[in-house]
């Protein structure tokens, strides 16, 4: 039997649960699918953007305000297109979140920001290309899509082991198919 797991959701603890729920519903477009109280007594809010998934994101009460570091490394959201990526950026700017780091990873276009509790969030969409990672070139999401695509393709082609995303996916599938 080949083991195969699909990541479907994740949860984090919040210092101010209500503020975080407001941000992720109002700005990020999630809907609340359930709420409750866990066995620890923490309030829990389940959220989704997909009617096939009861929850994709879960927020729990109880993160201490005086933690010496943020235990969340990164929350990443995969989007369906460059237009959607640009739309989220506009929504965040309209909500007053204007500090964004825009990055062309070659295999993805991304921007990064911090949610209301300082958790690093990545919004990204795939490109049609593969290039070895890490790769982090400048990206200007104010440029037209055609210009962004042409610049990314030129950058990817100039790096070693360039291939299309489709070829890369076939190579990964071959590796998965040969697992013991």
N, C-alpha and C. Protein backbone atom coordinates (compact mmCIF):
# COMPACT_ATOMS: atom_id res chain seq x y z
N UNK A 1 0.84 -1.18 0.00
CA UNK A 1 0.00 0.00 0.00
C UNK A 1 0.88 1.25 0.00
N UNK A 2 0.58 2.20 -0.88
CA UNK A 2 1.29 3.46 -0.93
C UNK A 2 0.58 4.46 -0.03
N UNK A 3 1.33 5.09 0.84
CA UNK A 3 0.74 6.09 1.72
C UNK A 3 0.57 7.40 0.95
N UNK A 4 -0.55 8.03 1.13
CA UNK A 4 -0.82 9.30 0.46
C UNK A 4 -1.71 10.14 1.37
N UNK A 5 -1.23 11.31 1.75
CA UNK A 5 -1.99 12.20 2.63
C UNK A 5 -2.17 13.53 1.93
N UNK A 6 -3.38 14.07 2.03
CA UNK A 6 -3.68 15.37 1.44
C UNK A 6 -3.90 16.36 2.57
N UNK A 7 -3.10 17.41 2.61
CA UNK A 7 -3.28 18.45 3.62
C UNK A 7 -4.59 19.17 3.33
N UNK A 8 -5.48 19.21 4.30
CA UNK A 8 -6.79 19.81 4.07
C UNK A 8 -7.08 21.01 4.97
N UNK A 9 -6.47 21.06 6.15
CA UNK A 9 -6.74 22.20 7.02
C UNK A 9 -5.64 22.34 8.06
N UNK A 10 -5.63 23.50 8.73
CA UNK A 10 -4.70 23.73 9.81
C UNK A 10 -5.37 24.63 10.83
N UNK A 11 -4.84 24.64 12.04
CA UNK A 11 -5.38 25.46 13.10
C UNK A 11 -4.28 26.17 13.86
N UNK A 12 -4.60 27.34 14.35
CA UNK A 12 -3.65 28.09 15.17
C UNK A 12 -4.40 28.68 16.38
N UNK A 13 -3.65 28.93 17.43
CA UNK A 13 -4.21 29.60 18.59
C UNK A 13 -4.13 31.11 18.38
N UNK A 14 -5.13 31.82 18.86
CA UNK A 14 -5.20 33.28 18.74
C UNK A 14 -5.21 33.93 20.11
N UNK A 15 -4.63 35.10 20.18
CA UNK A 15 -4.69 35.90 21.40
C UNK A 15 -6.06 36.57 21.50
N UNK A 16 -6.53 37.15 20.41
CA UNK A 16 -7.84 37.81 20.35
C UNK A 16 -8.66 37.11 19.28
N UNK A 17 -9.38 36.07 19.67
CA UNK A 17 -10.10 35.22 18.73
C UNK A 17 -11.10 36.03 17.89
N UNK A 18 -11.85 36.89 18.50
CA UNK A 18 -12.87 37.65 17.76
C UNK A 18 -12.25 38.54 16.68
N UNK A 19 -11.15 39.17 17.01
CA UNK A 19 -10.46 40.02 16.03
C UNK A 19 -9.95 39.19 14.85
N UNK A 20 -9.40 38.04 15.15
CA UNK A 20 -8.88 37.17 14.09
C UNK A 20 -10.01 36.63 13.22
N UNK A 21 -11.11 36.23 13.82
CA UNK A 21 -12.26 35.73 13.05
C UNK A 21 -12.78 36.84 12.15
N UNK A 22 -12.87 38.05 12.67
CA UNK A 22 -13.32 39.19 11.85
C UNK A 22 -12.41 39.38 10.64
N UNK A 23 -11.11 39.35 10.84
CA UNK A 23 -10.17 39.54 9.74
C UNK A 23 -10.32 38.44 8.70
N UNK A 24 -10.31 37.19 9.13
CA UNK A 24 -10.32 36.09 8.17
C UNK A 24 -11.68 35.92 7.48
N UNK A 25 -12.75 36.43 8.06
CA UNK A 25 -14.04 36.39 7.37
C UNK A 25 -14.24 37.65 6.52
N UNK A 26 -14.05 38.80 7.10
CA UNK A 26 -14.33 40.06 6.41
C UNK A 26 -13.33 40.35 5.30
N UNK A 27 -12.04 40.16 5.56
CA UNK A 27 -11.01 40.54 4.59
C UNK A 27 -10.61 39.36 3.70
N UNK A 28 -10.45 38.19 4.29
CA UNK A 28 -9.92 37.04 3.54
C UNK A 28 -11.01 36.20 2.87
N UNK A 29 -12.27 36.42 3.22
CA UNK A 29 -13.36 35.76 2.52
C UNK A 29 -13.78 34.40 3.03
N UNK A 30 -13.33 34.00 4.22
CA UNK A 30 -13.78 32.74 4.79
C UNK A 30 -15.18 32.90 5.38
N UNK A 31 -15.90 31.79 5.48
CA UNK A 31 -17.17 31.77 6.20
C UNK A 31 -17.01 30.82 7.38
N UNK A 32 -17.77 31.09 8.42
CA UNK A 32 -17.75 30.22 9.60
C UNK A 32 -18.62 29.01 9.32
N UNK A 33 -18.04 27.83 9.47
CA UNK A 33 -18.81 26.60 9.26
C UNK A 33 -19.27 25.99 10.57
N UNK A 34 -18.61 26.30 11.66
CA UNK A 34 -18.99 25.81 12.98
C UNK A 34 -18.25 26.59 14.04
N UNK A 35 -18.80 26.58 15.24
CA UNK A 35 -18.11 27.13 16.41
C UNK A 35 -18.39 26.19 17.57
N UNK A 36 -17.56 26.27 18.57
CA UNK A 36 -17.77 25.42 19.74
C UNK A 36 -16.72 25.68 20.79
N UNK A 37 -16.71 24.80 21.77
CA UNK A 37 -15.75 24.85 22.85
C UNK A 37 -15.09 23.48 22.94
N UNK A 38 -13.76 23.47 22.92
CA UNK A 38 -13.03 22.22 22.98
C UNK A 38 -12.95 21.66 24.39
N UNK A 39 -12.39 20.49 24.52
CA UNK A 39 -12.28 19.84 25.83
C UNK A 39 -11.39 20.63 26.78
N UNK A 40 -10.50 21.46 26.24
CA UNK A 40 -9.64 22.29 27.08
C UNK A 40 -10.36 23.54 27.57
N UNK A 41 -11.55 23.79 27.03
CA UNK A 41 -12.30 25.00 27.36
C UNK A 41 -12.07 26.14 26.38
N UNK A 42 -11.20 25.93 25.42
CA UNK A 42 -10.91 26.96 24.42
C UNK A 42 -12.07 27.07 23.44
N UNK A 43 -12.42 28.31 23.09
CA UNK A 43 -13.39 28.51 22.01
C UNK A 43 -12.72 28.14 20.69
N UNK A 44 -13.50 27.57 19.78
CA UNK A 44 -12.98 27.14 18.49
C UNK A 44 -13.90 27.67 17.40
N UNK A 45 -13.31 28.19 16.33
CA UNK A 45 -14.07 28.65 15.17
C UNK A 45 -13.52 27.94 13.94
N UNK A 46 -14.39 27.22 13.25
CA UNK A 46 -14.04 26.50 12.03
C UNK A 46 -14.45 27.37 10.83
N UNK A 47 -13.57 27.51 9.84
CA UNK A 47 -13.86 28.36 8.68
C UNK A 47 -13.48 27.64 7.39
N UNK A 48 -14.17 28.02 6.31
CA UNK A 48 -13.89 27.41 5.02
C UNK A 48 -14.21 28.38 3.90
N UNK A 49 -13.68 28.07 2.72
CA UNK A 49 -14.05 28.72 1.46
C UNK A 49 -14.47 27.68 0.44
N UNK A 50 -14.67 26.45 0.91
CA UNK A 50 -14.96 25.34 0.01
C UNK A 50 -16.10 24.51 0.60
N UNK A 51 -17.24 24.41 -0.10
CA UNK A 51 -18.36 23.65 0.46
C UNK A 51 -18.08 22.16 0.60
N UNK A 52 -17.01 21.68 0.00
CA UNK A 52 -16.64 20.27 0.15
C UNK A 52 -15.78 20.03 1.39
N UNK A 53 -15.28 21.10 2.01
CA UNK A 53 -14.43 20.98 3.20
C UNK A 53 -15.13 21.66 4.37
N UNK A 54 -15.46 20.88 5.38
CA UNK A 54 -16.09 21.47 6.56
C UNK A 54 -15.26 22.62 7.10
N UNK A 55 -13.96 22.44 7.15
CA UNK A 55 -13.08 23.52 7.58
C UNK A 55 -11.72 23.39 6.90
N UNK A 56 -11.19 24.55 6.53
CA UNK A 56 -9.85 24.64 5.98
C UNK A 56 -8.92 25.35 6.96
N UNK A 57 -9.53 26.11 7.85
CA UNK A 57 -8.79 26.95 8.78
C UNK A 57 -9.54 26.95 10.10
N UNK A 58 -8.82 26.73 11.20
CA UNK A 58 -9.44 26.68 12.52
C UNK A 58 -8.68 27.63 13.43
N UNK A 59 -9.43 28.45 14.14
CA UNK A 59 -8.84 29.35 15.14
C UNK A 59 -9.28 28.91 16.53
N UNK A 60 -8.33 28.87 17.45
CA UNK A 60 -8.58 28.49 18.84
C UNK A 60 -8.21 29.66 19.74
N UNK A 61 -8.97 29.87 20.81
CA UNK A 61 -8.59 30.79 21.87
C UNK A 61 -7.35 30.25 22.57
N UNK A 62 -6.64 31.12 23.28
CA UNK A 62 -5.66 30.62 24.22
C UNK A 62 -4.20 30.89 23.95
N UNK A 63 -3.85 31.60 22.88
CA UNK A 63 -2.44 31.91 22.67
C UNK A 63 -2.03 32.98 23.68
N UNK A 64 -1.01 32.72 24.48
CA UNK A 64 -0.60 33.73 25.47
C UNK A 64 -0.10 35.01 24.80
N UNK A 65 -0.44 36.14 25.41
CA UNK A 65 -0.02 37.42 24.85
C UNK A 65 1.48 37.67 25.05
N UNK A 66 2.07 37.01 26.02
CA UNK A 66 3.46 37.29 26.37
C UNK A 66 4.44 36.23 25.84
N UNK A 67 4.09 35.56 24.74
CA UNK A 67 5.01 34.58 24.17
C UNK A 67 6.27 35.29 23.67
N UNK A 68 7.45 34.69 23.88
CA UNK A 68 8.69 35.37 23.47
C UNK A 68 8.92 35.35 21.96
N UNK A 69 8.16 34.56 21.22
CA UNK A 69 8.29 34.50 19.77
C UNK A 69 6.97 34.04 19.19
N UNK A 70 6.79 34.25 17.90
CA UNK A 70 5.57 33.81 17.23
C UNK A 70 5.79 32.36 16.78
N UNK A 71 4.97 31.42 17.27
CA UNK A 71 5.17 30.02 16.91
C UNK A 71 4.73 29.69 15.48
N UNK A 72 4.04 30.63 14.81
CA UNK A 72 3.58 30.39 13.45
C UNK A 72 4.65 30.87 12.48
N UNK A 73 5.17 29.96 11.67
CA UNK A 73 6.19 30.33 10.69
C UNK A 73 5.56 30.99 9.49
N UNK A 74 4.48 30.40 8.96
CA UNK A 74 3.85 30.94 7.76
C UNK A 74 2.52 30.24 7.52
N UNK A 75 1.53 31.01 7.13
CA UNK A 75 0.24 30.50 6.70
C UNK A 75 0.14 30.81 5.21
N UNK A 76 0.01 29.79 4.37
CA UNK A 76 0.01 30.00 2.93
C UNK A 76 -1.32 29.63 2.32
N UNK A 77 -1.80 30.49 1.43
CA UNK A 77 -3.05 30.26 0.72
C UNK A 77 -2.78 30.23 -0.77
N UNK A 78 -3.10 29.10 -1.40
CA UNK A 78 -2.93 28.95 -2.84
C UNK A 78 -4.18 29.48 -3.54
N UNK A 79 -3.96 30.34 -4.52
CA UNK A 79 -5.05 30.95 -5.26
C UNK A 79 -5.07 30.41 -6.68
N UNK A 80 -6.17 30.65 -7.39
CA UNK A 80 -6.34 30.04 -8.71
C UNK A 80 -5.75 30.84 -9.87
N UNK A 81 -5.38 32.10 -9.65
CA UNK A 81 -4.89 32.90 -10.78
C UNK A 81 -4.18 34.15 -10.30
N UNK A 82 -3.45 34.73 -11.22
CA UNK A 82 -2.79 36.01 -10.97
C UNK A 82 -3.82 37.11 -10.71
N UNK A 83 -4.95 37.07 -11.41
CA UNK A 83 -6.01 38.05 -11.16
C UNK A 83 -6.54 37.95 -9.74
N UNK A 84 -6.71 36.74 -9.23
CA UNK A 84 -7.18 36.56 -7.86
C UNK A 84 -6.14 37.05 -6.87
N UNK A 85 -4.87 36.78 -7.15
CA UNK A 85 -3.79 37.27 -6.29
C UNK A 85 -3.84 38.80 -6.20
N UNK A 86 -4.00 39.45 -7.35
CA UNK A 86 -4.09 40.91 -7.37
C UNK A 86 -5.33 41.40 -6.63
N UNK A 87 -6.44 40.68 -6.75
CA UNK A 87 -7.68 41.08 -6.06
C UNK A 87 -7.52 40.99 -4.55
N UNK A 88 -6.86 39.95 -4.06
CA UNK A 88 -6.62 39.85 -2.61
C UNK A 88 -5.72 40.98 -2.14
N UNK A 89 -4.73 41.31 -2.92
CA UNK A 89 -3.84 42.41 -2.54
C UNK A 89 -4.63 43.71 -2.43
N UNK A 90 -5.51 43.96 -3.39
CA UNK A 90 -6.35 45.17 -3.33
C UNK A 90 -7.25 45.15 -2.10
N UNK A 91 -7.82 43.99 -1.77
CA UNK A 91 -8.69 43.87 -0.60
C UNK A 91 -7.93 44.15 0.69
N UNK A 92 -6.71 43.65 0.77
CA UNK A 92 -5.91 43.90 1.97
C UNK A 92 -5.53 45.37 2.09
N UNK A 93 -5.18 45.99 0.97
CA UNK A 93 -4.87 47.42 0.99
C UNK A 93 -6.09 48.22 1.44
N UNK A 94 -7.27 47.84 0.92
CA UNK A 94 -8.51 48.52 1.32
C UNK A 94 -8.79 48.34 2.81
N UNK A 95 -8.33 47.22 3.38
CA UNK A 95 -8.54 46.96 4.81
C UNK A 95 -7.44 47.58 5.67
N UNK A 96 -6.52 48.32 5.03
CA UNK A 96 -5.48 49.02 5.77
C UNK A 96 -4.19 48.24 5.95
N UNK A 97 -4.09 47.08 5.34
CA UNK A 97 -2.86 46.29 5.42
C UNK A 97 -2.06 46.58 4.16
N UNK A 98 -1.07 47.46 4.30
CA UNK A 98 -0.36 47.96 3.12
C UNK A 98 1.08 47.48 3.03
N UNK A 99 1.58 46.84 4.06
CA UNK A 99 2.96 46.36 4.02
C UNK A 99 2.98 44.95 3.43
N UNK A 100 3.37 44.87 2.17
CA UNK A 100 3.41 43.59 1.45
C UNK A 100 4.80 43.40 0.85
N UNK A 101 5.29 42.19 0.96
CA UNK A 101 6.52 41.81 0.26
C UNK A 101 6.09 40.98 -0.93
N UNK A 102 6.36 41.48 -2.13
CA UNK A 102 5.98 40.78 -3.37
C UNK A 102 7.19 40.01 -3.88
N UNK A 103 6.97 38.74 -4.24
CA UNK A 103 8.09 37.89 -4.63
C UNK A 103 7.70 37.01 -5.82
N UNK A 104 8.61 36.95 -6.78
CA UNK A 104 8.48 36.03 -7.91
C UNK A 104 9.37 34.83 -7.60
N UNK A 105 8.75 33.70 -7.27
CA UNK A 105 9.49 32.47 -6.95
C UNK A 105 9.79 31.65 -8.20
N UNK A 106 9.38 32.14 -9.37
CA UNK A 106 9.55 31.38 -10.60
C UNK A 106 8.44 30.37 -10.78
N UNK A 107 8.24 29.51 -9.79
CA UNK A 107 7.15 28.54 -9.85
C UNK A 107 5.86 29.10 -9.25
N UNK A 108 5.94 30.26 -8.62
CA UNK A 108 4.76 30.89 -8.03
C UNK A 108 4.99 32.39 -7.91
N UNK A 109 3.89 33.13 -8.00
CA UNK A 109 3.90 34.57 -7.69
C UNK A 109 3.26 34.71 -6.32
N UNK A 110 3.86 35.54 -5.47
CA UNK A 110 3.38 35.61 -4.10
C UNK A 110 3.52 37.02 -3.54
N UNK A 111 2.67 37.27 -2.54
CA UNK A 111 2.94 38.41 -1.67
C UNK A 111 2.71 37.96 -0.23
N UNK A 112 3.42 38.62 0.66
CA UNK A 112 3.42 38.26 2.07
C UNK A 112 3.00 39.46 2.89
N UNK A 113 2.29 39.19 3.98
CA UNK A 113 1.87 40.24 4.91
C UNK A 113 1.68 39.60 6.27
N UNK A 114 1.35 40.41 7.27
CA UNK A 114 1.08 39.88 8.60
C UNK A 114 -0.38 40.10 8.94
N UNK A 115 -1.01 39.06 9.51
CA UNK A 115 -2.40 39.18 9.94
C UNK A 115 -2.45 40.01 11.22
N UNK A 116 -3.64 40.26 11.78
CA UNK A 116 -3.73 41.15 12.94
C UNK A 116 -2.91 40.72 14.16
N UNK A 117 -2.53 39.46 14.27
CA UNK A 117 -1.71 39.02 15.40
C UNK A 117 -0.25 38.80 15.01
N UNK A 118 0.12 39.29 13.82
CA UNK A 118 1.51 39.22 13.40
C UNK A 118 1.93 37.91 12.78
N UNK A 119 0.97 37.03 12.48
CA UNK A 119 1.31 35.77 11.82
C UNK A 119 1.66 36.05 10.36
N UNK A 120 2.78 35.54 9.88
CA UNK A 120 3.14 35.73 8.47
C UNK A 120 2.17 34.95 7.57
N UNK A 121 1.62 35.64 6.57
CA UNK A 121 0.67 35.03 5.64
C UNK A 121 1.21 35.20 4.23
N UNK A 122 1.13 34.12 3.46
CA UNK A 122 1.52 34.15 2.05
C UNK A 122 0.28 33.90 1.21
N UNK A 123 0.07 34.73 0.21
CA UNK A 123 -0.95 34.52 -0.80
C UNK A 123 -0.17 34.24 -2.09
N UNK A 124 -0.49 33.14 -2.77
CA UNK A 124 0.28 32.82 -3.96
C UNK A 124 -0.56 32.11 -5.00
N UNK A 125 -0.07 32.13 -6.23
CA UNK A 125 -0.65 31.32 -7.30
C UNK A 125 0.51 30.74 -8.11
N UNK A 126 0.26 29.58 -8.67
CA UNK A 126 1.29 28.90 -9.46
C UNK A 126 1.50 29.60 -10.79
N UNK A 127 2.72 29.49 -11.29
CA UNK A 127 3.05 29.93 -12.64
C UNK A 127 3.08 28.68 -13.52
N UNK A 128 3.21 28.84 -14.83
CA UNK A 128 3.33 27.66 -15.70
C UNK A 128 4.74 27.08 -15.76
N UNK A 129 5.64 27.55 -14.88
CA UNK A 129 7.05 27.19 -14.96
C UNK A 129 7.54 26.51 -13.69
N UNK A 130 8.67 25.84 -13.83
CA UNK A 130 9.40 25.31 -12.68
C UNK A 130 10.81 25.89 -12.74
N UNK A 131 11.33 26.25 -11.59
CA UNK A 131 12.74 26.59 -11.43
C UNK A 131 13.13 26.15 -10.04
N UNK A 132 14.37 25.72 -9.84
CA UNK A 132 14.79 25.23 -8.52
C UNK A 132 14.57 26.29 -7.44
N UNK A 133 14.23 25.82 -6.26
CA UNK A 133 14.00 26.69 -5.12
C UNK A 133 15.16 26.54 -4.14
N UNK A 134 15.46 27.55 -3.36
CA UNK A 134 14.72 28.81 -3.25
C UNK A 134 15.02 29.76 -4.41
N UNK A 135 14.03 30.54 -4.72
CA UNK A 135 14.14 31.58 -5.74
C UNK A 135 13.24 32.72 -5.29
N UNK A 136 13.77 33.89 -5.20
CA UNK A 136 12.98 35.03 -4.75
C UNK A 136 13.39 36.30 -5.46
N UNK A 137 12.81 36.52 -6.61
CA UNK A 137 13.10 37.72 -7.39
C UNK A 137 12.02 38.78 -7.15
N UNK A 138 12.31 40.02 -7.45
CA UNK A 138 11.31 41.08 -7.29
C UNK A 138 10.07 40.82 -8.16
N UNK A 139 8.94 41.25 -7.68
CA UNK A 139 7.66 41.13 -8.38
C UNK A 139 6.92 42.44 -8.22
N UNK A 140 6.30 42.91 -9.30
CA UNK A 140 5.48 44.12 -9.26
C UNK A 140 4.09 43.75 -9.72
N UNK A 141 3.19 43.54 -8.78
CA UNK A 141 1.83 43.13 -9.10
C UNK A 141 1.00 44.26 -9.72
N UNK A 142 1.58 45.45 -9.82
CA UNK A 142 0.89 46.54 -10.52
C UNK A 142 1.11 46.45 -12.03
N UNK A 143 2.00 45.58 -12.46
CA UNK A 143 2.26 45.40 -13.89
C UNK A 143 1.14 44.57 -14.52
N UNK A 144 0.93 44.70 -15.84
CA UNK A 144 -0.05 43.85 -16.52
C UNK A 144 0.37 42.37 -16.44
N UNK A 145 -0.60 41.49 -16.46
CA UNK A 145 -0.33 40.05 -16.36
C UNK A 145 0.65 39.57 -17.42
N UNK A 146 0.48 40.03 -18.66
CA UNK A 146 1.38 39.59 -19.73
C UNK A 146 2.82 39.96 -19.44
N UNK A 147 3.05 41.14 -18.89
CA UNK A 147 4.40 41.58 -18.56
C UNK A 147 4.98 40.74 -17.43
N UNK A 148 4.17 40.43 -16.43
CA UNK A 148 4.62 39.59 -15.32
C UNK A 148 4.99 38.20 -15.84
N UNK A 149 4.13 37.63 -16.67
CA UNK A 149 4.37 36.30 -17.21
C UNK A 149 5.66 36.27 -18.03
N UNK A 150 5.86 37.26 -18.90
CA UNK A 150 7.06 37.31 -19.75
C UNK A 150 8.33 37.45 -18.90
N UNK A 151 8.28 38.29 -17.89
CA UNK A 151 9.45 38.48 -17.03
C UNK A 151 9.77 37.20 -16.26
N UNK A 152 8.75 36.53 -15.76
CA UNK A 152 8.96 35.29 -15.01
C UNK A 152 9.52 34.20 -15.91
N UNK A 153 8.97 34.07 -17.11
CA UNK A 153 9.48 33.05 -18.03
C UNK A 153 10.94 33.30 -18.37
N UNK A 154 11.30 34.54 -18.65
CA UNK A 154 12.69 34.86 -18.98
C UNK A 154 13.61 34.54 -17.80
N UNK A 155 13.19 34.89 -16.60
CA UNK A 155 13.99 34.60 -15.42
C UNK A 155 14.15 33.09 -15.23
N UNK A 156 13.07 32.35 -15.36
CA UNK A 156 13.13 30.89 -15.18
C UNK A 156 14.01 30.23 -16.23
N UNK A 157 13.89 30.67 -17.46
CA UNK A 157 14.70 30.08 -18.54
C UNK A 157 16.19 30.36 -18.34
N UNK A 158 16.53 31.42 -17.62
CA UNK A 158 17.94 31.76 -17.41
C UNK A 158 18.56 30.95 -16.26
N UNK A 159 17.76 30.24 -15.53
CA UNK A 159 18.24 29.45 -14.39
C UNK A 159 18.43 27.98 -14.79
N UNK A 160 19.27 27.26 -14.08
CA UNK A 160 19.48 25.85 -14.42
C UNK A 160 18.21 25.02 -14.17
N UNK A 161 18.09 23.94 -14.92
CA UNK A 161 17.02 22.94 -14.76
C UNK A 161 15.62 23.50 -15.02
N UNK A 162 15.52 24.53 -15.86
CA UNK A 162 14.20 25.07 -16.23
C UNK A 162 13.35 23.97 -16.87
N UNK A 163 12.08 23.97 -16.55
CA UNK A 163 11.11 23.10 -17.22
C UNK A 163 9.73 23.68 -16.99
N UNK A 164 8.77 23.17 -17.72
CA UNK A 164 7.39 23.61 -17.52
C UNK A 164 6.87 23.02 -16.21
N UNK A 165 5.87 23.65 -15.66
CA UNK A 165 5.24 23.11 -14.45
C UNK A 165 4.67 21.72 -14.74
N UNK A 166 4.11 21.54 -15.93
CA UNK A 166 3.54 20.24 -16.30
C UNK A 166 4.60 19.14 -16.29
N UNK A 167 5.78 19.41 -16.84
CA UNK A 167 6.86 18.43 -16.83
C UNK A 167 7.32 18.15 -15.41
N UNK A 168 7.45 19.19 -14.61
CA UNK A 168 7.84 19.01 -13.21
C UNK A 168 6.81 18.14 -12.48
N UNK A 169 5.53 18.38 -12.70
CA UNK A 169 4.49 17.59 -12.05
C UNK A 169 4.58 16.12 -12.48
N UNK A 170 4.85 15.88 -13.75
CA UNK A 170 5.02 14.50 -14.22
C UNK A 170 6.21 13.83 -13.54
N UNK A 171 7.30 14.57 -13.36
CA UNK A 171 8.47 14.03 -12.67
C UNK A 171 8.16 13.70 -11.21
N UNK A 172 7.42 14.57 -10.55
CA UNK A 172 7.05 14.30 -9.15
C UNK A 172 6.12 13.09 -9.08
N UNK A 173 5.17 13.01 -10.02
CA UNK A 173 4.27 11.85 -10.03
C UNK A 173 5.06 10.56 -10.22
N UNK A 174 6.07 10.58 -11.07
CA UNK A 174 6.91 9.39 -11.27
C UNK A 174 7.62 9.00 -9.97
N UNK A 175 8.12 10.00 -9.23
CA UNK A 175 8.73 9.71 -7.93
C UNK A 175 7.71 9.11 -6.97
N UNK A 176 6.51 9.67 -6.96
CA UNK A 176 5.46 9.16 -6.06
C UNK A 176 5.09 7.71 -6.46
N UNK A 177 5.06 7.46 -7.74
CA UNK A 177 4.68 6.12 -8.22
C UNK A 177 5.71 5.05 -7.88
N UNK A 178 6.96 5.47 -7.64
CA UNK A 178 8.02 4.49 -7.35
C UNK A 178 8.34 4.38 -5.86
N UNK A 179 7.52 4.99 -5.03
CA UNK A 179 7.74 4.86 -3.58
C UNK A 179 7.54 3.40 -3.18
N UNK A 180 8.29 2.96 -2.17
CA UNK A 180 8.10 1.58 -1.69
C UNK A 180 6.74 1.40 -1.02
